[in-house]
Amino acid sequence: MTLYITVKIFGRTGRRGEFRDYETKALNLFRKHGGEIVIAYAPSKDGGQVDPPDEIQILKIADRSGFESFLNDPERIKMSGERDAVIKRTEVYISDEIIRY
């Protein structure tokens, strides 16, 4: 069953683009596991939020095993130091349920 994944990324310094190189590598690896980037965008900073993320990604992948394979990929694990240098925190939301309005 298709998984939909929303990722909110908070950069270490809040400087736009600081984690772009890392995310390019990570998302290319996500694609190798069958994932697709539906959209990635930088939310407006003037929306009144106290701590808005620097980027939001909407991703999808065929199933949980593909996602687990991505998470446990040795190449991704090796990049953890690079990730920690540029990303303060992430919030990840996963669902296989589509709500049709």
Protein backbone atom coordinates (compact mmCIF):
# COMPACT_ATOMS: atom_id res chain seq x y z
CA MET A 1 0.00 0.00 0.00
CA THR A 2 1.39 3.42 -0.98
CA LEU A 3 2.83 5.48 1.86
CA TYR A 4 2.63 9.26 1.87
CA ILE A 5 5.30 11.02 3.89
CA THR A 6 5.34 14.65 4.97
CA VAL A 7 8.73 15.91 6.13
CA LYS A 8 9.23 19.27 7.84
CA ILE A 9 12.91 20.26 7.88
CA PHE A 10 14.40 22.83 10.24
CA GLY A 11 17.88 23.94 9.21
CA ARG A 12 20.65 24.36 11.74
CA THR A 13 20.95 28.13 11.15
CA GLY A 14 17.70 28.96 9.33
CA ARG A 15 19.70 30.13 6.30
CA ARG A 16 17.79 29.21 3.15
CA GLY A 17 19.45 26.43 1.20
CA GLU A 18 21.91 25.38 3.91
CA PHE A 19 20.87 21.74 3.65
CA ARG A 20 20.17 21.60 -0.10
CA ASP A 21 23.28 19.54 -0.96
CA TYR A 22 22.50 16.97 1.73
CA GLU A 23 18.82 16.76 0.78
CA THR A 24 19.69 16.33 -2.91
CA LYS A 25 21.79 13.28 -2.02
CA ALA A 26 19.23 11.89 0.43
CA LEU A 27 16.32 12.31 -1.99
CA ASN A 28 18.28 10.72 -4.85
CA LEU A 29 18.79 7.74 -2.54
CA PHE A 30 15.05 7.79 -1.70
CA ARG A 31 14.33 7.55 -5.45
CA LYS A 32 16.65 4.52 -5.73
CA HIS A 33 14.33 2.76 -3.29
CA GLY A 34 11.29 3.54 -5.43
CA GLY A 35 10.33 6.80 -3.73
CA GLU A 36 8.93 9.86 -5.46
CA ILE A 37 9.13 13.51 -4.49
CA VAL A 38 5.60 14.85 -4.98
CA ILE A 39 6.62 18.40 -4.06
CA ALA A 40 9.17 20.22 -1.91
CA TYR A 41 8.74 23.87 -0.99
CA ALA A 42 9.97 26.58 1.36
CA PRO A 43 7.00 27.94 3.32
CA SER A 44 6.56 31.67 3.65
CA LYS A 45 8.16 33.08 6.80
CA ASP A 46 5.49 35.78 7.14
CA GLY A 47 2.65 33.44 8.09
CA GLY A 48 2.84 34.27 11.78
CA GLN A 49 4.14 30.85 12.87
CA VAL A 50 6.47 30.88 15.84
CA ASP A 51 8.97 28.36 14.41
CA PRO A 52 8.12 27.51 10.80
CA PRO A 53 10.15 24.83 9.01
CA ASP A 54 12.65 25.88 6.36
CA GLU A 55 11.33 23.27 3.94
CA ILE A 56 8.38 20.92 3.63
CA GLN A 57 8.50 17.80 1.46
CA ILE A 58 5.60 15.63 0.37
CA LEU A 59 6.93 12.21 -0.64
CA LYS A 60 5.45 8.88 -1.59
CA ILE A 61 6.78 5.35 -1.83
CA ALA A 62 5.16 2.06 -2.85
CA ASP A 63 5.12 0.43 0.58
CA ARG A 64 6.55 0.32 4.08
CA SER A 65 9.26 -2.18 3.14
CA GLY A 66 10.60 0.24 0.52
CA PHE A 67 10.62 3.01 3.11
CA GLU A 68 12.36 0.81 5.68
CA SER A 69 14.91 -0.18 3.03
CA PHE A 70 15.64 3.53 2.45
CA LEU A 71 15.92 4.26 6.19
CA ASN A 72 18.35 1.37 6.70
CA ASP A 73 20.43 1.96 3.58
CA PRO A 74 24.13 2.00 4.60
CA GLU A 75 24.76 4.97 2.29
CA ARG A 76 22.08 7.00 4.09
CA ILE A 77 23.45 5.99 7.49
CA LYS A 78 26.96 7.08 6.43
CA MET A 79 25.57 10.56 5.66
CA SER A 80 24.30 11.11 9.23
CA GLY A 81 27.20 13.40 10.19
CA GLU A 82 26.59 15.59 7.16
CA ARG A 83 22.90 15.69 8.02
CA ASP A 84 23.52 16.65 11.64
CA ALA A 85 25.79 19.51 10.53
CA VAL A 86 23.04 21.23 8.52
CA ILE A 87 19.70 20.06 9.96
CA LYS A 88 18.56 20.93 13.47
CA ARG A 89 15.48 18.71 13.44
CA THR A 90 12.88 17.07 11.26
CA GLU A 91 9.25 16.19 11.81
CA VAL A 92 7.99 13.21 9.80
CA TYR A 93 4.36 12.19 9.32
CA ILE A 94 3.52 8.92 7.55
CA SER A 95 0.15 7.68 6.33
CA ASP A 96 -1.30 5.10 3.97
CA GLU A 97 -4.76 6.65 4.26
CA ILE A 98 -5.97 9.14 1.65
CA ILE A 99 -8.88 11.32 2.65
CA ARG A 100 -11.05 12.24 -0.30
CA TYR A 101 -13.08 15.44 0.03
